[in-house]
N, C-alpha and C. Protein backbone atom coordinates (compact mmCIF):
# COMPACT_ATOMS: atom_id res chain seq x y z
N SER A 1 -21.89 28.55 23.59
CA SER A 1 -22.14 29.95 23.90
C SER A 1 -21.33 30.87 22.99
N ILE A 2 -20.13 30.47 22.69
CA ILE A 2 -19.28 31.32 21.85
C ILE A 2 -19.79 31.34 20.41
N GLY A 3 -20.24 30.18 19.92
CA GLY A 3 -20.80 30.13 18.57
C GLY A 3 -22.00 31.03 18.42
N LEU A 4 -22.89 31.04 19.41
CA LEU A 4 -24.05 31.93 19.36
C LEU A 4 -23.63 33.39 19.45
N GLY A 5 -22.67 33.66 20.31
CA GLY A 5 -22.17 35.03 20.43
C GLY A 5 -21.60 35.54 19.12
N ARG A 6 -20.87 34.67 18.45
CA ARG A 6 -20.29 35.05 17.16
C ARG A 6 -21.37 35.19 16.10
N LEU A 7 -22.29 34.25 16.03
CA LEU A 7 -23.36 34.26 15.04
C LEU A 7 -24.21 35.53 15.15
N TYR A 8 -24.54 35.94 16.37
CA TYR A 8 -25.42 37.08 16.58
C TYR A 8 -24.68 38.36 16.96
N SER A 9 -23.35 38.34 16.93
CA SER A 9 -22.56 39.51 17.36
C SER A 9 -23.05 40.01 18.70
N ALA A 10 -23.19 39.07 19.63
CA ALA A 10 -23.77 39.39 20.94
C ALA A 10 -22.76 39.17 22.05
N ASP A 11 -22.95 39.90 23.13
CA ASP A 11 -22.18 39.65 24.34
C ASP A 11 -22.63 38.32 24.92
N VAL A 12 -21.71 37.61 25.55
CA VAL A 12 -22.01 36.30 26.10
C VAL A 12 -21.68 36.27 27.59
N PHE A 13 -22.62 35.75 28.36
CA PHE A 13 -22.40 35.44 29.77
C PHE A 13 -22.42 33.92 29.85
N ALA A 14 -21.33 33.33 30.28
CA ALA A 14 -21.24 31.87 30.35
C ALA A 14 -20.84 31.46 31.76
N PHE A 15 -21.31 30.29 32.15
CA PHE A 15 -21.03 29.79 33.49
C PHE A 15 -20.67 28.32 33.40
N ASP A 16 -19.68 27.92 34.18
CA ASP A 16 -19.32 26.51 34.28
C ASP A 16 -18.56 26.33 35.59
N THR A 17 -18.84 25.25 36.27
CA THR A 17 -18.16 24.99 37.54
C THR A 17 -16.76 24.41 37.33
N SER A 18 -16.45 24.00 36.11
CA SER A 18 -15.14 23.44 35.79
C SER A 18 -14.19 24.56 35.38
N ARG A 19 -13.09 24.68 36.08
CA ARG A 19 -12.10 25.72 35.77
C ARG A 19 -11.53 25.52 34.36
N SER A 20 -11.28 24.26 33.97
CA SER A 20 -10.73 24.02 32.63
C SER A 20 -11.75 24.38 31.55
N ALA A 21 -13.03 24.15 31.81
CA ALA A 21 -14.07 24.54 30.85
C ALA A 21 -14.14 26.06 30.73
N GLN A 22 -13.98 26.76 31.84
CA GLN A 22 -13.96 28.22 31.80
C GLN A 22 -12.79 28.72 30.97
N GLU A 23 -11.63 28.12 31.15
CA GLU A 23 -10.44 28.52 30.39
C GLU A 23 -10.63 28.24 28.90
N SER A 24 -11.20 27.08 28.57
CA SER A 24 -11.46 26.75 27.16
C SER A 24 -12.42 27.75 26.54
N CYS A 25 -13.46 28.10 27.27
CA CYS A 25 -14.45 29.05 26.79
C CYS A 25 -13.81 30.43 26.58
N SER A 26 -12.99 30.85 27.52
CA SER A 26 -12.28 32.13 27.39
C SER A 26 -11.37 32.14 26.17
N ASN A 27 -10.64 31.06 25.96
CA ASN A 27 -9.76 30.97 24.80
C ASN A 27 -10.57 31.01 23.50
N MET A 28 -11.68 30.28 23.46
CA MET A 28 -12.53 30.26 22.27
C MET A 28 -13.10 31.65 22.00
N ALA A 29 -13.49 32.36 23.05
CA ALA A 29 -14.03 33.71 22.88
C ALA A 29 -12.96 34.64 22.30
N ALA A 30 -11.74 34.54 22.80
CA ALA A 30 -10.65 35.39 22.30
C ALA A 30 -10.37 35.09 20.82
N LEU A 31 -10.36 33.82 20.45
CA LEU A 31 -10.10 33.44 19.06
C LEU A 31 -11.20 33.90 18.10
N ASN A 32 -12.41 34.09 18.64
CA ASN A 32 -13.55 34.45 17.80
C ASN A 32 -14.06 35.87 18.00
N ASP A 33 -13.28 36.68 18.72
CA ASP A 33 -13.65 38.08 18.97
C ASP A 33 -15.04 38.22 19.57
N VAL A 34 -15.34 37.39 20.55
CA VAL A 34 -16.62 37.44 21.25
C VAL A 34 -16.38 38.05 22.63
N ASN A 35 -17.21 39.02 22.98
CA ASN A 35 -17.13 39.65 24.30
C ASN A 35 -17.74 38.70 25.32
N LEU A 36 -16.92 38.18 26.22
CA LEU A 36 -17.32 37.14 27.17
C LEU A 36 -17.15 37.59 28.60
N THR A 37 -18.17 37.33 29.40
CA THR A 37 -18.08 37.40 30.86
C THR A 37 -18.32 35.99 31.34
N ILE A 38 -17.39 35.45 32.11
CA ILE A 38 -17.50 34.05 32.51
C ILE A 38 -17.44 33.93 34.02
N GLY A 39 -18.19 32.97 34.54
CA GLY A 39 -18.21 32.74 35.97
C GLY A 39 -18.35 31.27 36.29
N GLY A 40 -18.39 30.97 37.57
CA GLY A 40 -18.54 29.60 38.05
C GLY A 40 -20.00 29.19 38.09
N LEU A 41 -20.48 28.87 39.25
CA LEU A 41 -21.87 28.42 39.41
C LEU A 41 -22.83 29.58 39.15
N CYS A 42 -23.82 29.34 38.32
CA CYS A 42 -24.86 30.34 38.07
C CYS A 42 -26.06 29.98 38.95
N THR A 43 -26.33 30.81 39.91
CA THR A 43 -27.49 30.62 40.77
C THR A 43 -28.68 31.39 40.18
N THR A 44 -29.84 31.19 40.76
CA THR A 44 -31.01 31.96 40.35
C THR A 44 -30.75 33.45 40.52
N GLU A 45 -30.14 33.82 41.63
CA GLU A 45 -29.84 35.24 41.88
C GLU A 45 -28.88 35.78 40.83
N THR A 46 -27.87 35.00 40.47
CA THR A 46 -26.93 35.42 39.44
C THR A 46 -27.65 35.65 38.12
N LEU A 47 -28.48 34.70 37.74
CA LEU A 47 -29.23 34.79 36.48
C LEU A 47 -30.10 36.04 36.45
N LEU A 48 -30.79 36.31 37.53
CA LEU A 48 -31.70 37.46 37.58
C LEU A 48 -30.98 38.80 37.59
N GLN A 49 -29.71 38.81 37.95
CA GLN A 49 -28.94 40.06 38.01
C GLN A 49 -28.13 40.35 36.75
N LEU A 50 -28.14 39.45 35.78
CA LEU A 50 -27.37 39.68 34.56
C LEU A 50 -27.94 40.87 33.78
N PRO A 51 -27.08 41.71 33.24
CA PRO A 51 -27.55 42.85 32.43
C PRO A 51 -27.90 42.38 31.01
N LEU A 52 -29.09 41.84 30.84
CA LEU A 52 -29.48 41.19 29.59
C LEU A 52 -30.04 42.14 28.54
N GLY A 53 -30.29 43.38 28.91
CA GLY A 53 -30.85 44.31 27.94
C GLY A 53 -32.32 44.02 27.69
N LYS A 54 -32.81 44.48 26.52
CA LYS A 54 -34.23 44.35 26.22
C LYS A 54 -34.62 42.94 25.80
N ARG A 55 -33.71 42.20 25.16
CA ARG A 55 -34.05 40.87 24.68
C ARG A 55 -32.78 40.04 24.64
N ALA A 56 -32.87 38.83 25.15
CA ALA A 56 -31.72 37.93 25.16
C ALA A 56 -32.20 36.51 24.92
N ILE A 57 -31.27 35.69 24.46
CA ILE A 57 -31.49 34.25 24.39
C ILE A 57 -30.72 33.65 25.55
N ILE A 58 -31.41 32.92 26.39
CA ILE A 58 -30.78 32.27 27.55
C ILE A 58 -30.74 30.78 27.26
N LEU A 59 -29.55 30.28 27.04
CA LEU A 59 -29.33 28.86 26.74
C LEU A 59 -28.92 28.16 28.02
N ILE A 60 -29.67 27.15 28.42
CA ILE A 60 -29.40 26.45 29.67
C ILE A 60 -29.16 24.97 29.38
N ASP A 61 -27.95 24.55 29.64
CA ASP A 61 -27.55 23.16 29.50
C ASP A 61 -26.68 22.87 30.72
N CYS A 62 -27.33 22.50 31.80
CA CYS A 62 -26.62 22.43 33.08
C CYS A 62 -26.72 21.08 33.78
N GLU A 63 -26.87 20.03 32.98
CA GLU A 63 -26.75 18.65 33.45
C GLU A 63 -27.57 18.30 34.68
N GLY A 64 -28.83 18.74 34.69
CA GLY A 64 -29.73 18.37 35.78
C GLY A 64 -29.97 19.47 36.80
N TYR A 65 -29.26 20.57 36.70
CA TYR A 65 -29.39 21.68 37.64
C TYR A 65 -30.54 22.62 37.27
N GLU A 66 -31.18 22.37 36.12
CA GLU A 66 -32.20 23.30 35.63
C GLU A 66 -33.36 23.47 36.60
N LEU A 67 -33.71 22.45 37.36
CA LEU A 67 -34.82 22.59 38.33
C LEU A 67 -34.42 23.45 39.52
N GLU A 68 -33.15 23.50 39.83
CA GLU A 68 -32.66 24.38 40.90
C GLU A 68 -32.62 25.83 40.42
N LEU A 69 -32.30 26.00 39.14
CA LEU A 69 -32.07 27.33 38.58
C LEU A 69 -33.35 28.04 38.18
N LEU A 70 -34.32 27.29 37.67
CA LEU A 70 -35.51 27.90 37.08
C LEU A 70 -36.75 27.71 37.95
N SER A 71 -37.63 28.69 37.86
CA SER A 71 -38.89 28.66 38.61
C SER A 71 -39.88 29.57 37.90
N GLN A 72 -41.12 29.57 38.37
CA GLN A 72 -42.12 30.46 37.81
C GLN A 72 -41.72 31.92 38.02
N LYS A 73 -41.08 32.22 39.13
CA LYS A 73 -40.61 33.59 39.40
C LYS A 73 -39.55 34.00 38.39
N VAL A 74 -38.62 33.10 38.08
CA VAL A 74 -37.58 33.39 37.09
C VAL A 74 -38.24 33.66 35.74
N ALA A 75 -39.20 32.82 35.37
CA ALA A 75 -39.90 33.00 34.09
C ALA A 75 -40.59 34.36 34.05
N GLU A 76 -41.23 34.73 35.13
CA GLU A 76 -41.92 36.02 35.20
C GLU A 76 -40.93 37.18 35.15
N ASP A 77 -39.87 37.10 35.94
CA ASP A 77 -38.87 38.18 35.98
C ASP A 77 -38.12 38.32 34.65
N LEU A 78 -38.00 37.24 33.90
CA LEU A 78 -37.27 37.26 32.63
C LEU A 78 -38.21 37.02 31.44
N LYS A 79 -39.44 37.52 31.56
CA LYS A 79 -40.47 37.25 30.55
C LYS A 79 -40.20 37.91 29.20
N TYR A 80 -39.28 38.85 29.13
CA TYR A 80 -38.95 39.50 27.87
C TYR A 80 -37.85 38.76 27.11
N HIS A 81 -37.36 37.69 27.67
CA HIS A 81 -36.24 36.96 27.09
C HIS A 81 -36.69 35.55 26.67
N ASP A 82 -35.97 35.01 25.69
CA ASP A 82 -36.24 33.67 25.19
C ASP A 82 -35.30 32.67 25.87
N PHE A 83 -35.78 31.45 26.04
CA PHE A 83 -35.00 30.39 26.68
C PHE A 83 -34.92 29.16 25.78
N VAL A 84 -33.79 28.52 25.82
CA VAL A 84 -33.59 27.20 25.22
C VAL A 84 -33.01 26.35 26.35
N ILE A 85 -33.75 25.34 26.80
CA ILE A 85 -33.40 24.61 28.02
C ILE A 85 -33.32 23.11 27.74
N GLU A 86 -32.15 22.53 27.99
CA GLU A 86 -32.04 21.07 27.90
C GLU A 86 -32.57 20.48 29.20
N CYS A 87 -33.53 19.57 29.07
CA CYS A 87 -34.15 18.95 30.24
C CYS A 87 -33.58 17.55 30.44
N HIS A 88 -33.15 17.27 31.64
CA HIS A 88 -32.52 15.99 31.97
C HIS A 88 -33.52 15.08 32.67
N ASP A 89 -34.51 14.64 31.90
CA ASP A 89 -35.57 13.78 32.45
C ASP A 89 -35.04 12.44 32.93
N PHE A 90 -33.89 12.01 32.44
CA PHE A 90 -33.34 10.74 32.92
C PHE A 90 -32.81 10.87 34.35
N LYS A 91 -32.59 12.09 34.83
CA LYS A 91 -32.19 12.30 36.22
C LYS A 91 -33.41 12.49 37.12
N ASN A 92 -34.45 13.14 36.56
CA ASN A 92 -35.72 13.34 37.27
C ASN A 92 -36.80 13.33 36.19
N ILE A 93 -37.63 12.33 36.19
CA ILE A 93 -38.62 12.12 35.14
C ILE A 93 -39.57 13.30 34.96
N THR A 94 -39.72 14.14 35.96
CA THR A 94 -40.66 15.26 35.86
C THR A 94 -39.99 16.57 35.45
N THR A 95 -38.72 16.54 35.11
CA THR A 95 -38.00 17.78 34.79
C THR A 95 -38.68 18.59 33.70
N SER A 96 -38.90 18.00 32.53
CA SER A 96 -39.47 18.79 31.44
C SER A 96 -40.89 19.27 31.79
N ALA A 97 -41.67 18.46 32.47
CA ALA A 97 -43.02 18.89 32.88
C ALA A 97 -42.95 20.08 33.84
N GLN A 98 -42.01 20.04 34.77
CA GLN A 98 -41.86 21.15 35.71
C GLN A 98 -41.39 22.42 35.00
N ILE A 99 -40.46 22.27 34.07
CA ILE A 99 -39.96 23.43 33.32
C ILE A 99 -41.10 24.05 32.50
N LEU A 100 -41.85 23.21 31.82
CA LEU A 100 -42.98 23.71 31.04
C LEU A 100 -43.98 24.46 31.92
N SER A 101 -44.24 23.95 33.10
CA SER A 101 -45.20 24.61 33.99
C SER A 101 -44.67 25.96 34.49
N CYS A 102 -43.36 26.10 34.62
CA CYS A 102 -42.77 27.38 35.04
C CYS A 102 -43.03 28.48 34.01
N PHE A 103 -43.01 28.12 32.73
CA PHE A 103 -43.03 29.10 31.65
C PHE A 103 -44.39 29.23 30.96
N ILE A 104 -45.35 28.43 31.33
CA ILE A 104 -46.63 28.38 30.60
C ILE A 104 -47.37 29.72 30.60
N GLU A 105 -47.24 30.51 31.65
CA GLU A 105 -47.97 31.77 31.75
C GLU A 105 -47.29 32.91 31.01
N THR A 106 -46.00 32.81 30.73
CA THR A 106 -45.24 33.94 30.22
C THR A 106 -44.63 33.74 28.84
N HIS A 107 -44.54 32.50 28.41
CA HIS A 107 -43.83 32.21 27.16
C HIS A 107 -44.64 31.25 26.29
N ASP A 108 -44.41 31.34 24.98
CA ASP A 108 -44.92 30.33 24.06
C ASP A 108 -43.93 29.17 24.07
N LEU A 109 -44.45 27.96 24.22
CA LEU A 109 -43.59 26.81 24.46
C LEU A 109 -43.62 25.80 23.32
N SER A 110 -42.47 25.21 23.09
CA SER A 110 -42.37 24.08 22.18
C SER A 110 -41.28 23.16 22.71
N GLU A 111 -41.29 21.95 22.21
CA GLU A 111 -40.30 20.97 22.63
C GLU A 111 -39.60 20.40 21.40
N VAL A 112 -38.31 20.15 21.54
CA VAL A 112 -37.52 19.55 20.48
C VAL A 112 -36.79 18.36 21.08
N LEU A 113 -36.82 17.24 20.36
CA LEU A 113 -36.10 16.06 20.82
C LEU A 113 -34.75 15.97 20.13
N SER A 114 -33.74 15.53 20.86
CA SER A 114 -32.42 15.34 20.27
C SER A 114 -32.45 14.13 19.35
N THR A 115 -31.38 13.95 18.63
CA THR A 115 -31.24 12.80 17.73
C THR A 115 -30.39 11.74 18.41
N ASP A 116 -30.83 10.51 18.31
CA ASP A 116 -30.09 9.38 18.87
C ASP A 116 -28.68 9.32 18.26
N ASP A 117 -27.70 8.91 19.06
CA ASP A 117 -26.31 8.86 18.60
C ASP A 117 -26.13 7.98 17.36
N ILE A 118 -26.83 6.87 17.28
CA ILE A 118 -26.70 5.99 16.11
C ILE A 118 -27.28 6.68 14.88
N GLN A 119 -28.43 7.32 15.04
CA GLN A 119 -29.04 8.03 13.91
C GLN A 119 -28.14 9.16 13.43
N LYS A 120 -27.45 9.84 14.34
CA LYS A 120 -26.52 10.90 13.94
C LYS A 120 -25.46 10.34 13.00
N ALA A 121 -24.91 9.20 13.34
CA ALA A 121 -23.85 8.61 12.52
C ALA A 121 -24.35 8.31 11.10
N TYR A 122 -25.59 7.88 11.00
CA TYR A 122 -26.17 7.57 9.69
C TYR A 122 -26.60 8.81 8.91
N SER A 123 -27.11 9.81 9.60
CA SER A 123 -27.80 10.89 8.88
C SER A 123 -27.09 12.24 8.84
N TYR A 124 -26.21 12.53 9.79
CA TYR A 124 -25.58 13.85 9.79
C TYR A 124 -24.59 13.96 8.63
N GLU A 125 -24.79 14.97 7.82
CA GLU A 125 -23.87 15.22 6.73
C GLU A 125 -23.00 16.41 7.11
N VAL A 126 -21.85 16.11 7.68
CA VAL A 126 -20.91 17.12 8.14
C VAL A 126 -19.66 16.99 7.29
N SER A 127 -19.30 18.07 6.61
CA SER A 127 -18.18 18.00 5.67
C SER A 127 -16.89 17.52 6.33
N GLU A 128 -16.72 17.87 7.60
CA GLU A 128 -15.49 17.45 8.31
C GLU A 128 -15.43 15.94 8.51
N LEU A 129 -16.56 15.25 8.38
CA LEU A 129 -16.58 13.80 8.58
C LEU A 129 -16.64 13.01 7.26
N GLU A 130 -16.55 13.71 6.14
CA GLU A 130 -16.56 13.02 4.85
C GLU A 130 -15.38 12.06 4.78
N GLY A 131 -15.65 10.86 4.32
CA GLY A 131 -14.60 9.86 4.18
C GLY A 131 -14.38 9.00 5.41
N PHE A 132 -15.02 9.36 6.53
CA PHE A 132 -14.88 8.56 7.75
C PHE A 132 -15.82 7.36 7.68
N SER A 133 -15.43 6.28 8.34
CA SER A 133 -16.29 5.11 8.42
C SER A 133 -17.49 5.41 9.32
N LEU A 134 -18.51 4.57 9.22
CA LEU A 134 -19.69 4.72 10.08
C LEU A 134 -19.30 4.62 11.55
N ASP A 135 -18.40 3.70 11.89
CA ASP A 135 -17.93 3.58 13.28
C ASP A 135 -17.25 4.85 13.75
N ASP A 136 -16.43 5.45 12.89
CA ASP A 136 -15.74 6.69 13.27
C ASP A 136 -16.73 7.84 13.43
N LYS A 137 -17.71 7.93 12.53
CA LYS A 137 -18.73 8.97 12.66
C LYS A 137 -19.49 8.81 13.98
N TYR A 138 -19.83 7.58 14.30
CA TYR A 138 -20.52 7.32 15.56
C TYR A 138 -19.67 7.78 16.74
N PHE A 139 -18.38 7.46 16.71
CA PHE A 139 -17.47 7.85 17.79
C PHE A 139 -17.42 9.37 17.93
N TYR A 140 -17.27 10.09 16.83
CA TYR A 140 -17.12 11.54 16.88
C TYR A 140 -18.41 12.27 17.21
N LEU A 141 -19.54 11.70 16.86
CA LEU A 141 -20.82 12.37 17.08
C LEU A 141 -21.54 11.95 18.35
N SER A 142 -21.08 10.89 18.98
CA SER A 142 -21.77 10.34 20.14
C SER A 142 -21.65 11.23 21.37
N GLU A 143 -22.77 11.43 22.03
CA GLU A 143 -22.78 12.14 23.31
C GLU A 143 -22.91 11.18 24.49
N SER A 144 -23.12 9.91 24.19
CA SER A 144 -23.26 8.87 25.22
C SER A 144 -24.35 9.18 26.23
N ARG A 145 -25.45 9.74 25.74
CA ARG A 145 -26.60 10.01 26.61
C ARG A 145 -27.36 8.71 26.82
N PRO A 146 -27.97 8.54 27.98
CA PRO A 146 -28.73 7.31 28.24
C PRO A 146 -30.08 7.28 27.52
N THR A 147 -30.49 8.42 26.93
CA THR A 147 -31.79 8.50 26.27
C THR A 147 -31.80 9.69 25.33
N ILE A 148 -32.86 9.78 24.55
CA ILE A 148 -33.10 10.97 23.74
C ILE A 148 -33.35 12.13 24.71
N MET A 149 -32.76 13.28 24.44
CA MET A 149 -32.92 14.44 25.31
C MET A 149 -34.04 15.33 24.78
N LYS A 150 -34.70 16.02 25.68
CA LYS A 150 -35.75 16.97 25.32
C LYS A 150 -35.26 18.38 25.63
N TRP A 151 -35.46 19.26 24.66
CA TRP A 151 -35.16 20.67 24.84
C TRP A 151 -36.49 21.42 24.86
N VAL A 152 -36.64 22.32 25.81
CA VAL A 152 -37.82 23.19 25.87
C VAL A 152 -37.41 24.55 25.30
N ILE A 153 -38.19 25.00 24.34
CA ILE A 153 -38.00 26.33 23.76
C ILE A 153 -39.11 27.21 24.32
N ALA A 154 -38.71 28.25 25.04
CA ALA A 154 -39.68 29.17 25.66
C ALA A 154 -39.46 30.56 25.05
N LYS A 155 -40.37 30.92 24.15
CA LYS A 155 -40.25 32.20 23.44
C LYS A 155 -41.13 33.24 24.12
N SER A 156 -40.53 34.38 24.42
CA SER A 156 -41.25 35.44 25.08
C SER A 156 -42.49 35.86 24.31
N ARG A 157 -43.55 36.09 25.05
CA ARG A 157 -44.78 36.60 24.43
C ARG A 157 -44.75 38.12 24.29
N ASN A 158 -43.74 38.74 24.86
CA ASN A 158 -43.64 40.20 24.86
C ASN A 158 -42.73 40.68 23.76
């Protein structure tokens, strides 16, 4: 969230139920001159009440909570905003299908698959990892996901 805030010179609203994650995010925002509002659990009501302005990017990576947070009503109420949503189909096989159905009437949809941890080690060219062994690259780049992850991109039609 802080990287996007810095990249786009945008205000950031971030949520995490972990107090230490909130503190890390706050510290990162201060170091990068990003205007941050941070909170704990983001409910549907919280999301709908955020002062998002005319257009916002809503990034959702909430480890399986996306089906609780999102609905067709949320998509309709936030139809002027774009979404990037990580879908945790390994927790519920219908997650991405349900998310797509929520946004089909209001947004243009696409899907992006993540890269397998092993493939990252072989293919990612990151200057900070130059000179590291393949095993070390794998260690540093691994997310230890049980499967390839799917991201839904929902771009506002408005």
